[in-house]
Amino acid sequence: MRVIVYGSLRRKQGNSHWMTNAMWLGDHVLHGYALYNLGHYPAVVPGEGEVYCEVYRITASILAELDELKSNTRDYKRELIQTPYGSAWIYLYKYPTDDLPRIDCGDWVKRE
């Protein structure tokens, strides 16, 4: 199975240690989504724009750990989307983004 990550789970980011035992498959630009800044981590929702991501092959235990990490905030839902590497799970933000700062470049690493 695969997961697509766009923020703090990406390489050299604050939560990248969660991906230590995952196999990086490659980078991907996700079209039709928008990236927002929640402070210490980002939010992605369907919308106009593009988001820079990384795709990883993961085990069921890594997915369970990521589910636990994401459920701590209760802000995300997990959905299956298509990537050039096959279908992958993505964590999408569940709430309105009207009052959140948008990251227009679509890249969490280059947000500032």
Protein backbone atom coordinates (compact mmCIF):
# COMPACT_ATOMS: atom_id res chain seq x y z
CA MET A 1 0.00 0.00 0.00
CA ARG A 2 1.03 3.61 -0.49
CA VAL A 3 0.57 6.98 1.19
CA ILE A 4 0.99 10.47 -0.24
CA VAL A 5 2.32 13.12 2.16
CA TYR A 6 2.49 16.88 1.69
CA GLY A 7 3.63 18.50 4.92
CA SER A 8 5.42 17.62 8.13
CA LEU A 9 5.81 13.96 7.08
CA ARG A 10 7.92 14.91 4.03
CA ARG A 11 11.68 14.37 4.03
CA LYS A 12 13.62 16.71 6.34
CA GLN A 13 10.41 17.97 8.00
CA GLY A 14 9.41 17.78 11.66
CA ASN A 15 7.51 14.48 11.50
CA SER A 16 9.58 12.75 8.80
CA HIS A 17 10.77 10.22 11.39
CA TRP A 18 7.34 8.55 11.05
CA MET A 19 8.37 7.60 7.49
CA THR A 20 11.75 6.04 8.46
CA ASN A 21 10.63 2.49 7.63
CA ALA A 22 8.65 3.50 4.54
CA MET A 23 10.05 3.26 1.01
CA TRP A 24 10.13 6.59 -0.86
CA LEU A 25 8.73 6.04 -4.37
CA GLY A 26 9.04 9.59 -5.67
CA ASP A 27 7.75 13.12 -5.75
CA HIS A 28 4.38 14.04 -7.20
CA VAL A 29 2.46 17.25 -7.92
CA LEU A 30 -1.16 16.78 -6.98
CA HIS A 31 -3.47 18.84 -9.21
CA GLY A 32 -6.94 19.93 -8.12
CA TYR A 33 -6.07 20.47 -4.46
CA ALA A 34 -5.24 23.48 -2.29
CA LEU A 35 -2.75 23.73 0.60
CA TYR A 36 -3.39 25.73 3.79
CA ASN A 37 -1.29 26.59 6.83
CA LEU A 38 -2.57 25.39 10.22
CA GLY A 39 0.57 26.57 12.03
CA HIS A 40 2.80 23.57 12.77
CA TYR A 41 1.31 21.46 10.01
CA PRO A 42 -0.70 21.92 6.81
CA ALA A 43 -4.15 21.12 5.51
CA VAL A 44 -5.07 19.93 2.02
CA VAL A 45 -8.55 20.08 0.52
CA PRO A 46 -9.91 19.56 -2.98
CA GLY A 47 -9.83 22.86 -4.86
CA GLU A 48 -8.04 24.89 -7.47
CA GLY A 49 -4.29 24.60 -7.35
CA GLU A 50 -1.53 22.07 -6.93
CA VAL A 51 0.26 20.54 -3.99
CA TYR A 52 3.81 19.19 -3.93
CA CYS A 53 3.90 15.74 -2.35
CA GLU A 54 5.95 12.61 -1.78
CA VAL A 55 4.64 9.08 -2.30
CA TYR A 56 5.77 6.18 -0.12
CA ARG A 57 5.20 2.43 -0.02
CA ILE A 58 4.16 1.59 3.54
CA THR A 59 3.14 -1.38 5.65
CA ALA A 60 -0.16 -1.82 7.48
CA SER A 61 1.59 -1.01 10.76
CA ILE A 62 2.91 2.31 9.40
CA LEU A 63 -0.59 3.18 8.18
CA ALA A 64 -1.97 2.39 11.64
CA GLU A 65 0.66 4.67 13.21
CA LEU A 66 -0.19 7.49 10.77
CA ASP A 67 -3.90 7.02 11.49
CA GLU A 68 -3.15 7.39 15.19
CA LEU A 69 -1.01 10.50 14.58
CA LYS A 70 -3.73 12.12 12.45
CA SER A 71 -6.58 11.10 14.77
CA ASN A 72 -4.94 12.98 17.64
CA THR A 73 -6.10 16.22 16.00
CA ARG A 74 -9.39 14.82 14.62
CA ASP A 75 -8.90 17.25 11.71
CA TYR A 76 -8.36 14.73 8.90
CA LYS A 77 -10.08 12.00 6.95
CA ARG A 78 -8.18 9.42 4.93
CA GLU A 79 -9.09 8.90 1.26
CA LEU A 80 -7.66 6.82 -1.56
CA ILE A 81 -6.48 8.75 -4.64
CA GLN A 82 -4.58 7.87 -7.81
CA THR A 83 -0.90 8.76 -8.28
CA PRO A 84 1.66 7.79 -10.95
CA TYR A 85 2.86 5.16 -8.44
CA GLY A 86 -0.60 3.61 -8.03
CA SER A 87 -3.41 4.34 -5.60
CA ALA A 88 -2.32 6.01 -2.35
CA TRP A 89 -3.92 7.12 0.87
CA ILE A 90 -4.03 10.86 1.54
CA TYR A 91 -5.14 12.70 4.68
CA LEU A 92 -7.56 15.50 3.75
CA TYR A 93 -8.64 18.30 6.08
CA LYS A 94 -12.27 17.92 7.23
CA TYR A 95 -13.18 21.51 8.07
CA PRO A 96 -13.79 24.80 6.20
CA THR A 97 -10.65 26.65 5.15
CA ASP A 98 -12.20 30.11 4.65
CA ASP A 99 -10.23 31.71 7.50
CA LEU A 100 -6.97 29.82 6.98
CA PRO A 101 -3.91 31.25 5.20
CA ARG A 102 -3.48 29.56 1.84
CA ILE A 103 -0.02 28.47 0.72
CA ASP A 104 -0.27 29.61 -2.90
CA CYS A 105 2.97 27.96 -4.03
CA GLY A 106 1.52 24.58 -3.02
CA ASP A 107 4.74 23.54 -1.30
CA TRP A 108 4.82 23.21 2.51
CA VAL A 109 8.64 23.29 2.47
CA LYS A 110 8.65 26.66 0.67
CA ARG A 111 5.73 28.21 2.57
CA GLU A 112 7.61 31.19 4.03
